[in-house]
C-alpha atoms as a PDB file:
ATOM      1  CA  MET A   1      -9.340 -56.485 -72.674  1.00  0.00           C
ATOM      2  CA  THR A   2      -7.466 -59.755 -71.600  1.00  0.00           C
ATOM      3  CA  GLN A   3      -4.170 -58.028 -72.227  1.00  0.00           C
ATOM      4  CA  LYS A   4      -4.931 -55.197 -70.001  1.00  0.00           C
ATOM      5  CA  ARG A   5      -6.180 -57.367 -66.915  1.00  0.00           C
ATOM      6  CA  HIS A   6      -3.003 -59.272 -68.036  1.00  0.00           C
ATOM      7  CA  TYR A   7      -0.855 -56.435 -67.029  1.00  0.00           C
ATOM      8  CA  LYS A   8      -2.776 -54.880 -63.691  1.00  0.00           C
ATOM      9  CA  ARG A   9      -1.683 -58.657 -62.429  1.00  0.00           C
ATOM     10  CA  THR A  10       1.529 -58.404 -63.731  1.00  0.00           C
ATOM     11  CA  GLU A  11       1.999 -55.047 -61.458  1.00  0.00           C
ATOM     12  CA  SER A  12       0.491 -56.673 -58.612  1.00  0.00           C
ATOM     13  CA  ASN A  13       2.621 -58.747 -58.538  1.00  0.00           C
ATOM     14  CA  ILE A  14       5.422 -56.996 -58.513  1.00  0.00           C
ATOM     15  CA  PHE A  15       4.585 -54.466 -55.856  1.00  0.00           C
ATOM     16  CA  VAL A  16       3.589 -57.399 -53.886  1.00  0.00           C
ATOM     17  CA  ARG A  17       7.121 -59.119 -54.356  1.00  0.00           C
ATOM     18  CA  PHE A  18       8.520 -55.199 -53.860  1.00  0.00           C
ATOM     19  CA  LEU A  19       6.620 -55.284 -50.154  1.00  0.00           C
ATOM     20  CA  HIS A  20       8.116 -58.518 -49.570  1.00  0.00           C
ATOM     21  CA  ALA A  21      11.398 -57.990 -50.149  1.00  0.00           C
ATOM     22  CA  ILE A  22      11.377 -54.456 -47.755  1.00  0.00           C
ATOM     23  CA  GLY A  23       9.692 -56.328 -45.473  1.00  0.00           C
ATOM     24  CA  PHE A  24      12.298 -58.907 -45.618  1.00  0.00           C
ATOM     25  CA  VAL A  25      15.338 -56.830 -45.450  1.00  0.00           C
ATOM     26  CA  PHE A  26      13.893 -54.754 -42.327  1.00  0.00           C
ATOM     27  CA  LYS A  27      13.185 -57.850 -40.724  1.00  0.00           C
ATOM     28  CA  SER A  28      17.024 -59.315 -41.249  1.00  0.00           C
ATOM     29  CA  ILE A  29      18.179 -55.711 -39.997  1.00  0.00           C
ATOM     30  CA  GLY A  30      15.988 -55.980 -36.904  1.00  0.00           C
ATOM     31  CA  MET A  31      16.926 -59.805 -36.580  1.00  0.00           C
ATOM     32  CA  PHE A  32      20.785 -58.627 -36.613  1.00  0.00           C
ATOM     33  CA  PHE A  33      20.322 -56.117 -33.731  1.00  0.00           C
ATOM     34  CA  VAL A  34      17.949 -58.711 -31.733  1.00  0.00           C
ATOM     35  CA  ARG A  35      21.202 -60.909 -32.347  1.00  0.00           C
ATOM     36  CA  VAL A  36      23.452 -58.294 -31.220  1.00  0.00           C
ATOM     37  CA  PHE A  37      21.528 -57.245 -27.980  1.00  0.00           C
ATOM     38  CA  GLN A  38      21.393 -60.607 -27.110  1.00  0.00           C
ATOM     39  CA  THR A  39      24.834 -61.310 -27.313  1.00  0.00           C
ATOM     40  CA  GLY A  40      26.165 -58.466 -26.466  1.00  0.00           C
ATOM     41  CA  ASN A  41      23.683 -58.860 -23.129  1.00  0.00           C
ATOM     42  CA  ARG A  42      24.887 -62.201 -22.318  1.00  0.00           C
ATOM     43  CA  LYS A  43      26.421 -62.865 -18.623  1.00  0.00           C
ATOM     44  CA  LEU A  44      29.961 -63.568 -19.138  1.00  0.00           C
ATOM     45  CA  THR A  45      32.198 -64.200 -15.612  1.00  0.00           C
ATOM     46  CA  VAL A  46      35.709 -62.808 -15.755  1.00  0.00           C
ATOM     47  CA  MET A  47      38.066 -64.638 -13.140  1.00  0.00           C
ATOM     48  CA  ILE A  48      41.498 -63.488 -12.001  1.00  0.00           C
ATOM     49  CA  VAL A  49      43.227 -66.138 -10.435  1.00  0.00           C
ATOM     50  CA  PRO A  50      46.718 -65.421  -8.941  1.00  0.00           C
ATOM     51  CA  HIS A  51      49.829 -67.705  -8.647  1.00  0.00           C
ATOM     52  CA  SER A  52      49.774 -67.946  -5.188  1.00  0.00           C
ATOM     53  CA  GLN A  53      47.204 -69.307  -2.701  1.00  0.00           C
ATOM     54  CA  SER A  54      45.303 -65.880  -2.465  1.00  0.00           C
ATOM     55  CA  LYS A  55      41.413 -65.802  -2.929  1.00  0.00           C
ATOM     56  CA  VAL A  56      40.234 -65.780  -6.743  1.00  0.00           C
ATOM     57  CA  ILE A  57      38.424 -62.765  -7.943  1.00  0.00           C
ATOM     58  CA  ASN A  58      35.655 -62.977 -10.101  1.00  0.00           C
ATOM     59  CA  PHE A  59      33.094 -60.659 -11.509  1.00  0.00           C
ATOM     60  CA  GLN A  60      30.282 -60.794 -13.592  1.00  0.00           C
ATOM     61  CA  THR A  61      29.515 -58.551 -16.874  1.00  0.00           C
ATOM     62  CA  ASN A  62      28.295 -58.701 -19.973  1.00  0.00           C
ATOM     63  CA  GLY A  63      29.519 -57.709 -23.591  1.00  0.00           C
ATOM     64  CA  PHE A  64      28.384 -53.830 -23.532  1.00  0.00           C
ATOM     65  CA  SER A  65      30.202 -53.608 -20.725  1.00  0.00           C
ATOM     66  CA  LEU A  66      33.363 -54.933 -21.698  1.00  0.00           C
ATOM     67  CA  VAL A  67      33.191 -53.284 -25.207  1.00  0.00           C
ATOM     68  CA  THR A  68      32.589 -49.530 -23.445  1.00  0.00           C
ATOM     69  CA  GLY A  69      35.398 -50.503 -21.122  1.00  0.00           C
ATOM     70  CA  PHE A  70      37.482 -51.220 -23.864  1.00  0.00           C
ATOM     71  CA  VAL A  71      36.610 -47.585 -25.810  1.00  0.00           C
ATOM     72  CA  LEU A  72      36.676 -45.980 -22.464  1.00  0.00           C
ATOM     73  CA  VAL A  73      40.435 -47.147 -21.911  1.00  0.00           C
ATOM     74  CA  LEU A  74      41.410 -46.615 -25.832  1.00  0.00           C
ATOM     75  CA  GLY A  75      39.884 -42.862 -25.128  1.00  0.00           C
ATOM     76  CA  ILE A  76      42.178 -42.711 -21.974  1.00  0.00           C
ATOM     77  CA  ILE A  77      45.349 -43.952 -23.629  1.00  0.00           C
ATOM     78  CA  GLY A  78      44.484 -41.642 -26.538  1.00  0.00           C
ATOM     79  CA  SER A  79      43.665 -38.774 -24.844  1.00  0.00           C
ATOM     80  CA  PHE A  80      46.988 -39.271 -22.795  1.00  0.00           C
ATOM     81  CA  PHE A  81      49.314 -39.131 -25.719  1.00  0.00           C
ATOM     82  CA  PHE A  82      47.225 -36.250 -26.784  1.00  0.00           C
ATOM     83  CA  PHE A  83      47.908 -33.940 -24.205  1.00  0.00           C
ATOM     84  CA  ASN A  84      51.346 -35.458 -23.599  1.00  0.00           C
ATOM     85  CA  VAL A  85      51.937 -34.252 -27.179  1.00  0.00           C
ATOM     86  CA  LYS A  86      50.526 -31.015 -26.816  1.00  0.00           C
ATOM     87  CA  ALA A  87      52.372 -30.295 -23.707  1.00  0.00           C
ATOM     88  CA  ALA A  88      55.630 -31.076 -25.701  1.00  0.00           C
ATOM     89  CA  ASP A  89      54.487 -28.455 -28.204  1.00  0.00           C
ATOM     90  CA  SER A  90      53.533 -25.891 -25.575  1.00  0.00           C
ATOM     91  CA  ALA A  91      56.847 -26.526 -23.515  1.00  0.00           C
ATOM     92  CA  ALA A  92      58.680 -25.891 -26.798  1.00  0.00           C
ATOM     93  CA  GLU A  93      57.098 -22.588 -27.557  1.00  0.00           C
ATOM     94  CA  ILE A  94      57.518 -21.639 -23.996  1.00  0.00           C
ATOM     95  CA  SER A  95      61.323 -21.972 -24.815  1.00  0.00           C
ATOM     96  CA  ARG A  96      61.007 -20.394 -27.897  1.00  0.00           C
ATOM     97  CA  LEU A  97      59.227 -16.884 -26.250  1.00  0.00           C
ATOM     98  CA  MET A  98      61.944 -17.017 -23.373  1.00  0.00           C
ATOM     99  CA  ASN A  99      64.575 -17.062 -25.908  1.00  0.00           C
ATOM    100  CA  GLU A 100      62.524 -13.731 -27.779  1.00  0.00           C
ATOM    101  CA  ASN A 101      62.468 -12.552 -24.395  1.00  0.00           C
ATOM    102  CA  ARG A 102      65.459 -12.777 -23.689  1.00  0.00           C
ATOM    103  CA  GLN A 103      66.974 -11.264 -26.847  1.00  0.00           C
ATOM    104  CA  THR A 104      64.113  -8.476 -26.519  1.00  0.00           C
ATOM    105  CA  LEU A 105      65.578  -7.427 -23.389  1.00  0.00           C
ATOM    106  CA  ALA A 106      69.081  -7.158 -24.425  1.00  0.00           C
ATOM    107  CA  SER A 107      67.882  -5.122 -27.352  1.00  0.00           C
ATOM    108  CA  LEU A 108      65.711  -3.375 -24.872  1.00  0.00           C
ATOM    109  CA  ASP A 109      69.276  -2.446 -22.781  1.00  0.00           C
ATOM    110  CA  GLU A 110      70.695  -1.515 -25.804  1.00  0.00           C
ATOM    111  CA  LEU A 111      67.726   1.083 -26.829  1.00  0.00           C
ATOM    112  CA  ARG A 112      67.773   2.278 -23.071  1.00  0.00           C
ATOM    113  CA  SER A 113      71.854   3.078 -23.360  1.00  0.00           C
ATOM    114  CA  GLU A 114      71.060   4.608 -26.847  1.00  0.00           C
ATOM    115  CA  ASN A 115      68.458   6.931 -25.657  1.00  0.00           C
ATOM    116  CA  SER A 116      70.740   7.459 -22.507  1.00  0.00           C
ATOM    117  CA  ASN A 117      73.557   8.862 -24.962  1.00  0.00           C
ATOM    118  CA  LEU A 118      70.548  10.766 -27.037  1.00  0.00           C
ATOM    119  CA  LEU A 119      69.373  12.431 -23.806  1.00  0.00           C
ATOM    120  CA  GLN A 120      73.113  13.713 -23.069  1.00  0.00           C
ATOM    121  CA  VAL A 121      73.940  15.103 -26.817  1.00  0.00           C
ATOM    122  CA  ALA A 122      70.431  17.074 -26.490  1.00  0.00           C
ATOM    123  CA  LYS A 123      71.225  18.526 -23.070  1.00  0.00           C
ATOM    124  CA  LYS A 124      74.647  19.638 -24.522  1.00  0.00           C
ATOM    125  CA  PHE A 125      72.813  20.915 -27.550  1.00  0.00           C
ATOM    126  CA  GLN A 126      70.553  22.573 -25.870  1.00  0.00           C
ATOM    127  CA  SER A 127      73.454  24.000 -24.084  1.00  0.00           C
ATOM    128  CA  THR A 128      75.596  25.080 -26.731  1.00  0.00           C
ATOM    129  CA  LEU A 129      72.245  26.584 -28.828  1.00  0.00           C
ATOM    130  CA  ASN A 130      71.634  28.816 -25.533  1.00  0.00           C
ATOM    131  CA  GLU A 131      75.191  30.121 -25.662  1.00  0.00           C
ATOM    132  CA  SER A 132      75.038  30.935 -29.438  1.00  0.00           C
ATOM    133  CA  LEU A 133      72.007  32.322 -29.334  1.00  0.00           C
ATOM    134  CA  SER A 134      72.596  34.698 -26.290  1.00  0.00           C
ATOM    135  CA  LEU A 135      75.711  36.323 -27.975  1.00  0.00           C
ATOM    136  CA  ILE A 136      72.940  37.442 -30.841  1.00  0.00           C
ATOM    137  CA  GLY A 137      70.169  38.641 -28.430  1.00  0.00           C
ATOM    138  CA  ILE A 138      67.658  35.483 -28.737  1.00  0.00           C
ATOM    139  CA  ALA A 139      66.461  33.906 -25.754  1.00  0.00           C
ATOM    140  CA  GLY A 140      67.418  30.085 -25.204  1.00  0.00           C
ATOM    141  CA  ALA A 141      65.576  27.054 -25.600  1.00  0.00           C
ATOM    142  CA  SER A 142      63.616  25.899 -22.480  1.00  0.00           C
ATOM    143  CA  SER A 143      63.749  22.289 -21.590  1.00  0.00           C
ATOM    144  CA  THR A 144      59.806  22.581 -20.310  1.00  0.00           C
ATOM    145  CA  LYS A 145      57.086  23.556 -21.580  1.00  0.00           C
ATOM    146  CA  GLU A 146      54.719  26.902 -20.239  1.00  0.00           C
ATOM    147  CA  THR A 147      52.004  24.602 -19.788  1.00  0.00           C
ATOM    148  CA  GLY A 148      53.096  24.000 -16.130  1.00  0.00           C
ATOM    149  CA  GLN A 149      55.496  20.750 -16.468  1.00  0.00           C
ATOM    150  CA  SER A 150      57.823  21.983 -14.041  1.00  0.00           C
ATOM    151  CA  SER A 151      54.924  22.156 -11.207  1.00  0.00           C
ATOM    152  CA  ASP A 152      55.410  20.011  -8.353  1.00  0.00           C
ATOM    153  CA  LEU A 153      52.559  17.711  -8.842  1.00  0.00           C
ATOM    154  CA  SER A 154      53.884  17.043 -12.410  1.00  0.00           C
ATOM    155  CA  LEU A 155      57.440  16.392 -10.710  1.00  0.00           C
ATOM    156  CA  LEU A 156      55.475  13.632  -8.347  1.00  0.00           C
ATOM    157  CA  PHE A 157      53.971  11.928 -11.145  1.00  0.00           C
ATOM    158  CA  ASP A 158      57.241  12.002 -13.168  1.00  0.00           C
ATOM    159  CA  ILE A 159      58.806  10.734  -9.551  1.00  0.00           C
ATOM    160  CA  GLN A 160      55.936   7.701  -9.428  1.00  0.00           C
ATOM    161  CA  GLU A 161      56.765   7.004 -13.398  1.00  0.00           C
ATOM    162  CA  LEU A 162      60.486   6.666 -12.788  1.00  0.00           C
ATOM    163  CA  THR A 163      59.780   4.360  -9.939  1.00  0.00           C
ATOM    164  CA  LYS A 164      58.809   1.592 -12.924  1.00  0.00           C
ATOM    165  CA  GLY A 165      61.369   0.474 -15.299  1.00  0.00           C
ATOM    166  CA  SER A 166      59.232   0.186 -17.804  1.00  0.00           C
ATOM    167  CA  MET A 167      57.744   4.014 -18.024  1.00  0.00           C
ATOM    168  CA  ARG A 168      61.783   5.643 -17.880  1.00  0.00           C
ATOM    169  CA  GLU A 169      62.563   5.445 -21.408  1.00  0.00           C
ATOM    170  CA  ALA A 170      59.287   6.888 -21.952  1.00  0.00           C
ATOM    171  CA  ALA A 171      59.853  10.009 -19.711  1.00  0.00           C
ATOM    172  CA  ASP A 172      63.557  10.291 -21.525  1.00  0.00           C
ATOM    173  CA  VAL A 173      61.942  10.531 -25.227  1.00  0.00           C
ATOM    174  CA  ARG A 174      59.158  12.958 -23.077  1.00  0.00           C
ATOM    175  CA  GLN A 175      62.557  14.684 -21.735  1.00  0.00           C
ATOM    176  CA  LEU A 176      64.296  14.676 -25.352  1.00  0.00           C
ATOM    177  CA  SER A 177      60.981  16.108 -27.282  1.00  0.00           C
ATOM    178  CA  SER A 178      60.784  19.151 -24.719  1.00  0.00           C
ATOM    179  CA  TYR A 179      64.120  20.036 -25.354  1.00  0.00           C
ATOM    180  CA  LEU A 180      63.756  19.907 -29.283  1.00  0.00           C
ATOM    181  CA  GLU A 181      60.742  21.616 -28.874  1.00  0.00           C
ATOM    182  CA  GLY A 182      62.212  24.124 -27.216  1.00  0.00           C
ATOM    183  CA  ALA A 183      64.827  24.913 -29.496  1.00  0.00           C
ATOM    184  CA  VAL A 184      62.536  24.985 -32.709  1.00  0.00           C
ATOM    185  CA  GLU A 185      61.600  28.436 -32.138  1.00  0.00           C
ATOM    186  CA  PRO A 186      64.909  29.632 -31.072  1.00  0.00           C
ATOM    187  CA  VAL A 187      66.334  28.210 -34.726  1.00  0.00           C
ATOM    188  CA  GLU A 188      63.732  29.929 -36.734  1.00  0.00           C
ATOM    189  CA  GLN A 189      64.179  32.570 -34.912  1.00  0.00           C
ATOM    190  CA  LEU A 190      68.048  32.450 -36.196  1.00  0.00           C
ATOM    191  CA  GLY A 191      66.666  31.598 -39.764  1.00  0.00           C
ATOM    192  CA  ARG A 192      64.888  34.660 -39.675  1.00  0.00           C
ATOM    193  CA  LEU A 193      67.682  36.897 -38.429  1.00  0.00           C
ATOM    194  CA  MET A 194      70.816  35.463 -40.918  1.00  0.00           C
ATOM    195  CA  GLU A 195      67.602  36.184 -43.489  1.00  0.00           C
ATOM    196  CA  SER A 196      67.165  39.885 -42.506  1.00  0.00           C
ATOM    197  CA  GLN A 197      71.268  40.061 -42.451  1.00  0.00           C
ATOM    198  CA  GLY A 198      71.559  38.178 -45.736  1.00  0.00           C
ATOM    199  CA  SER A 199      71.210  41.851 -47.905  1.00  0.00           C
ATOM    200  CA  LEU A 200      73.891  43.072 -45.042  1.00  0.00           C
ATOM    201  CA  PHE A 201      76.593  41.003 -46.936  1.00  0.00           C
ATOM    202  CA  SER A 202      75.522  41.698 -50.099  1.00  0.00           C
ATOM    203  CA  ASP A 203      75.709  45.741 -49.314  1.00  0.00           C
ATOM    204  CA  ILE A 204      78.987  45.395 -47.867  1.00  0.00           C
ATOM    205  CA  PRO A 205      82.131  44.441 -49.706  1.00  0.00           C
ATOM    206  CA  SER A 206      82.286  40.362 -48.558  1.00  0.00           C
ATOM    207  CA  ILE A 207      83.494  38.305 -51.689  1.00  0.00           C
ATOM    208  CA  TRP A 208      87.096  37.551 -53.432  1.00  0.00           C
ATOM    209  CA  PRO A 209      86.919  40.371 -56.199  1.00  0.00           C
ATOM    210  CA  LEU A 210      88.229  37.916 -58.760  1.00  0.00           C
ATOM    211  CA  LYS A 211      85.298  35.145 -60.475  1.00  0.00           C
ATOM    212  CA  GLY A 212      85.194  31.920 -58.775  1.00  0.00           C
ATOM    213  CA  GLY A 213      87.852  32.548 -56.328  1.00  0.00           C
ATOM    214  CA  ILE A 214      90.941  31.934 -58.831  1.00  0.00           C
ATOM    215  CA  GLY A 215      94.201  33.861 -58.102  1.00  0.00           C
ATOM    216  CA  HIS A 216      96.105  34.472 -55.028  1.00  0.00           C
ATOM    217  CA  ILE A 217      97.298  37.222 -53.134  1.00  0.00           C
ATOM    218  CA  SER A 218     100.417  38.732 -54.092  1.00  0.00           C
ATOM    219  CA  MET A 219     101.102  41.553 -52.132  1.00  0.00           C
ATOM    220  CA  MET A 220      99.169  42.748 -48.909  1.00  0.00           C
ATOM    221  CA  PHE A 221      98.108  45.656 -47.366  1.00  0.00           C
ATOM    222  CA  GLY A 222     100.034  47.859 -45.500  1.00  0.00           C
ATOM    223  CA  GLN A 223     104.111  48.028 -45.104  1.00  0.00           C
ATOM    224  CA  ASN A 224     105.516  46.345 -48.312  1.00  0.00           C
ATOM    225  CA  VAL A 225     109.093  46.975 -50.423  1.00  0.00           C
ATOM    226  CA  HIS A 226     108.219  48.628 -53.641  1.00  0.00           C
ATOM    227  CA  PRO A 227     108.323  46.633 -56.465  1.00  0.00           C
ATOM    228  CA  LEU A 228     110.126  49.495 -58.711  1.00  0.00           C
ATOM    229  CA  THR A 229     111.981  51.255 -56.609  1.00  0.00           C
ATOM    230  CA  GLY A 230     112.814  49.039 -53.403  1.00  0.00           C
ATOM    231  CA  ASN A 231     111.887  51.576 -50.935  1.00  0.00           C
ATOM    232  CA  TRP A 232     109.084  50.372 -47.760  1.00  0.00           C
ATOM    233  CA  TYR A 233     106.040  52.375 -48.381  1.00  0.00           C
ATOM    234  CA  ILE A 234     102.024  51.491 -47.136  1.00  0.00           C
ATOM    235  CA  HIS A 235     100.437  49.601 -49.589  1.00  0.00           C
ATOM    236  CA  LYS A 236      97.107  50.753 -49.691  1.00  0.00           C
ATOM    237  CA  GLY A 237      95.114  47.392 -51.153  1.00  0.00           C
ATOM    238  CA  MET A 238      95.681  44.183 -51.872  1.00  0.00           C
ATOM    239  CA  ASP A 239      97.067  42.990 -55.272  1.00  0.00           C
ATOM    240  CA  PHE A 240      95.514  39.394 -56.538  1.00  0.00           C
ATOM    241  CA  SER A 241      97.346  37.980 -58.966  1.00  0.00           C
ATOM    242  CA  THR A 242      96.396  35.158 -61.468  1.00  0.00           C
ATOM    243  CA  TRP A 243      99.388  35.262 -63.383  1.00  0.00           C
ATOM    244  CA  ARG A 244      97.637  36.042 -66.879  1.00  0.00           C
ATOM    245  CA  SER A 245      95.862  38.888 -68.254  1.00  0.00           C
ATOM    246  CA  GLY A 246      92.053  38.360 -68.730  1.00  0.00           C
ATOM    247  CA  ASP A 247      90.565  36.793 -65.728  1.00  0.00           C
ATOM    248  CA  PRO A 248      87.112  38.668 -65.188  1.00  0.00           C
ATOM    249  CA  ILE A 249      86.702  40.744 -62.198  1.00  0.00           C
ATOM    250  CA  ILE A 250      83.599  40.966 -60.072  1.00  0.00           C
ATOM    251  CA  ALA A 251      82.047  43.496 -58.098  1.00  0.00           C
ATOM    252  CA  THR A 252      82.001  42.906 -54.328  1.00  0.00           C
ATOM    253  CA  ALA A 253      78.888  44.483 -52.785  1.00  0.00           C
ATOM    254  CA  ASN A 254      75.772  46.034 -54.672  1.00  0.00           C
ATOM    255  CA  GLY A 255      76.633  49.537 -55.242  1.00  0.00           C
ATOM    256  CA  ARG A 256      77.002  51.917 -58.162  1.00  0.00           C
ATOM    257  CA  VAL A 257      79.877  53.235 -60.283  1.00  0.00           C
ATOM    258  CA  VAL A 258      81.066  56.635 -59.695  1.00  0.00           C
ATOM    259  CA  SER A 259      84.663  56.446 -61.798  1.00  0.00           C
ATOM    260  CA  ALA A 260      85.131  54.240 -64.544  1.00  0.00           C
ATOM    261  CA  THR A 261      88.346  55.861 -66.144  1.00  0.00           C
ATOM    262  CA  HIS A 262      92.182  55.856 -66.854  1.00  0.00           C
ATOM    263  CA  ASP A 263      95.202  57.391 -65.336  1.00  0.00           C
ATOM    264  CA  ASP A 264      98.710  57.145 -65.282  1.00  0.00           C
ATOM    265  CA  SER A 265      98.996  55.098 -62.179  1.00  0.00           C
ATOM    266  CA  PHE A 266      96.331  52.831 -61.319  1.00  0.00           C
ATOM    267  CA  GLY A 267      96.233  52.256 -65.288  1.00  0.00           C
ATOM    268  CA  TYR A 268      92.044  51.388 -66.177  1.00  0.00           C
ATOM    269  CA  TYR A 269      90.456  51.320 -62.886  1.00  0.00           C
ATOM    270  CA  VAL A 270      87.204  51.376 -61.966  1.00  0.00           C
ATOM    271  CA  ILE A 271      85.378  52.847 -57.960  1.00  0.00           C
ATOM    272  CA  ILE A 272      81.796  51.551 -57.107  1.00  0.00           C
ATOM    273  CA  GLN A 273      80.116  53.381 -54.194  1.00  0.00           C
ATOM    274  CA  HIS A 274      78.382  51.316 -51.712  1.00  0.00           C
ATOM    275  CA  LYS A 275      75.727  51.681 -48.943  1.00  0.00           C
ATOM    276  CA  TYR A 276      76.937  52.363 -45.114  1.00  0.00           C
ATOM    277  CA  GLY A 277      79.986  55.033 -46.378  1.00  0.00           C
ATOM    278  CA  TYR A 278      81.802  52.044 -48.143  1.00  0.00           C
ATOM    279  CA  TYR A 279      83.681  52.417 -51.609  1.00  0.00           C
ATOM    280  CA  THR A 280      85.898  50.067 -53.369  1.00  0.00           C
ATOM    281  CA  ARG A 281      88.500  50.879 -55.771  1.00  0.00           C
ATOM    282  CA  TYR A 282      89.629  47.880 -59.374  1.00  0.00           C
ATOM    283  CA  ALA A 283      92.373  48.880 -60.863  1.00  0.00           C
ATOM    284  CA  HIS A 284      95.439  48.054 -63.125  1.00  0.00           C
ATOM    285  CA  MET A 285      92.649  46.493 -65.673  1.00  0.00           C
ATOM    286  CA  SER A 286      92.892  45.461 -69.202  1.00  0.00           C
ATOM    287  CA  SER A 287      89.970  47.113 -69.701  1.00  0.00           C
ATOM    288  CA  PHE A 288      86.304  47.597 -67.925  1.00  0.00           C
ATOM    289  CA  ILE A 289      83.086  47.088 -68.819  1.00  0.00           C
ATOM    290  CA  VAL A 290      80.690  49.269 -66.544  1.00  0.00           C
ATOM    291  CA  LYS A 291      80.369  53.271 -66.856  1.00  0.00           C
ATOM    292  CA  LYS A 292      79.750  55.868 -64.516  1.00  0.00           C
ATOM    293  CA  GLY A 293      76.328  56.284 -62.661  1.00  0.00           C
ATOM    294  CA  GLN A 294      75.681  52.687 -63.796  1.00  0.00           C
ATOM    295  CA  THR A 295      74.006  49.974 -60.732  1.00  0.00           C
ATOM    296  CA  VAL A 296      76.149  46.905 -60.213  1.00  0.00           C
ATOM    297  CA  SER A 297      75.486  44.065 -58.250  1.00  0.00           C
ATOM    298  CA  GLN A 298      77.471  42.023 -55.873  1.00  0.00           C
ATOM    299  CA  GLY A 299      78.942  39.130 -58.017  1.00  0.00           C
ATOM    300  CA  ASP A 300      78.630  41.044 -61.369  1.00  0.00           C
ATOM    301  CA  VAL A 301      81.714  41.144 -63.901  1.00  0.00           C
ATOM    302  CA  ILE A 302      83.071  44.748 -64.213  1.00  0.00           C
ATOM    303  CA  GLY A 303      86.199  43.967 -66.221  1.00  0.00           C
ATOM    304  CA  TYR A 304      89.371  42.033 -66.326  1.00  0.00           C
ATOM    305  CA  VAL A 305      92.662  41.556 -65.176  1.00  0.00           C
ATOM    306  CA  GLY A 306      95.441  44.056 -67.072  1.00  0.00           C
ATOM    307  CA  ALA A 307      98.946  44.967 -66.481  1.00  0.00           C
ATOM    308  CA  SER A 308      97.726  48.773 -66.879  1.00  0.00           C
ATOM    309  CA  GLY A 309      99.457  51.913 -65.300  1.00  0.00           C
ATOM    310  CA  VAL A 310     102.687  51.379 -63.005  1.00  0.00           C
ATOM    311  CA  ALA A 311     102.368  47.516 -62.903  1.00  0.00           C
ATOM    312  CA  THR A 312     105.172  44.998 -62.832  1.00  0.00           C
ATOM    313  CA  GLY A 313     102.343  42.407 -64.255  1.00  0.00           C
ATOM    314  CA  ALA A 314      98.974  41.315 -64.886  1.00  0.00           C
ATOM    315  CA  HIS A 315      97.127  41.672 -61.520  1.00  0.00           C
ATOM    316  CA  LEU A 316      94.319  43.347 -59.660  1.00  0.00           C
ATOM    317  CA  HIS A 317      95.033  46.013 -57.405  1.00  0.00           C
ATOM    318  CA  TYR A 318      91.860  46.278 -54.795  1.00  0.00           C
ATOM    319  CA  GLU A 319      90.848  48.902 -52.135  1.00  0.00           C
ATOM    320  CA  VAL A 320      87.807  49.243 -49.743  1.00  0.00           C
ATOM    321  CA  HIS A 321      87.496  52.500 -48.187  1.00  0.00           C
ATOM    322  CA  ILE A 322      85.099  53.479 -45.726  1.00  0.00           C
ATOM    323  CA  GLY A 323      84.232  57.325 -45.813  1.00  0.00           C
ATOM    324  CA  SER A 324      87.966  58.724 -46.465  1.00  0.00           C
ATOM    325  CA  GLU A 325      89.623  56.027 -44.034  1.00  0.00           C
ATOM    326  CA  VAL A 326      91.344  52.907 -45.823  1.00  0.00           C
ATOM    327  CA  VAL A 327      91.193  49.930 -44.605  1.00  0.00           C
ATOM    328  CA  ASP A 328      92.388  46.277 -44.948  1.00  0.00           C
ATOM    329  CA  PRO A 329      90.535  44.430 -47.607  1.00  0.00           C
ATOM    330  CA  ALA A 330      91.093  41.174 -45.953  1.00  0.00           C
ATOM    331  CA  LYS A 331      88.935  41.814 -42.706  1.00  0.00           C
ATOM    332  CA  PHE A 332      86.488  41.220 -45.522  1.00  0.00           C
ATOM    333  CA  ILE A 333      86.947  39.482 -47.961  1.00  0.00           C
ATOM    334  CA  ASN A 334      87.098  37.063 -45.404  1.00  0.00           C
ATOM    335  CA  VAL A 335      83.679  36.815 -44.767  1.00  0.00           C
ATOM    336  CA  LYS A 336      82.742  35.167 -48.137  1.00  0.00           C
ATOM    337  CA  LEU A 337      85.936  33.964 -50.098  1.00  0.00           C
ATOM    338  CA  THR A 338      83.977  33.370 -53.355  1.00  0.00           C
ATOM    339  CA  GLN A 339      81.301  34.084 -55.744  1.00  0.00           C
END
C-alpha cells in the first residue's frame, strides 16, 4: 500500500514538472515576442545632414517601419530585375517569331509561284484533253461545276475573296480542283471507250507475226525485184527474216483456220479468217501446228519459220487480205508491234 502511494506521488510530481516546463516555454516565447515588439516599436530619429549649409532633414520612425521599408525596397528591386529578364526573354522570342514569319512568308511566296505554275499546267491539260476528246466524240471537261458556280453572285464572292491576299491561293486551289474534277468523267469515258475497243484490236491483224517481235523485214509490200528471176514484180505481202529456221510464228488476230496445207509456190502455209472480212496468210513455213477449222486467238503459235516452197532462205511471207483485196500489212503491224 505504501509503495502504491509512492508511485502516485511520483506521477503527480512528474506531471506538475511537465506543466511547469510547458508554462516556462510559452512564457519565454511570449517574452521574446514582447521584446521584439518593444524593440520594433522603439522610436528612432533619422537625420540627413547635407554638406552644405542647407537645413538638416530629420524624421521619426520605428523598427517595424524600417524593416517594412527595407523589405519593400528589396521587393521592388527584385521585381525590376525579374521583369527585366522576362522582357529580354520576350524580346528574344519575338525576334525568333519574326524570323520564322519571314521564312514562312518566303515559303508562301514559293508556294504561290508553284501554285500558279500548277494552275497553268492544269489549264493546258484541260485544253489538250478537250481537243483530244473532241476528236473521238466525247464531251470535254468543264472548269466549273453545274451547281451554279459560274453565276454572277458567285463571281462577286470570288472577286471579294481575291482582294484578300490570303484567299487568292485558296481560290486557285479550288479552281485547280474544279479542273481535275471536270476531267475525271471524260477520262473515265475514254477508258471505257478504250476497253470497248480492245476487242477490236484482237479481231483485226494488228501485231508482229513473229513471237516476241524478233526478226526484221527483208522485203516490203509492193514493187520489188524478184530474188530468183531478177525481174520487177508486185510483192503481195511482207517478208520477215530471222536468218534461221524454227522461230515461232503467231496468229496476228483472233480467227479460224480455213487452210493449212502445202503447195510448190508457198510451201507450207496457213490461211486464217478473221472478223470484218480480214484474212491473213503465213507462208514458207518449216511446219505448222494447226489444222483446218481450228479456232485460234491472237498471239497463238501456228507454225515455224522455214524455207519451203519457192524461197531463197528461211523467212516468213505474210499477207493481209480484206475480202478479195490484198493490202499492205505494214498498215496493221504498226498498230501493235509485239506480242
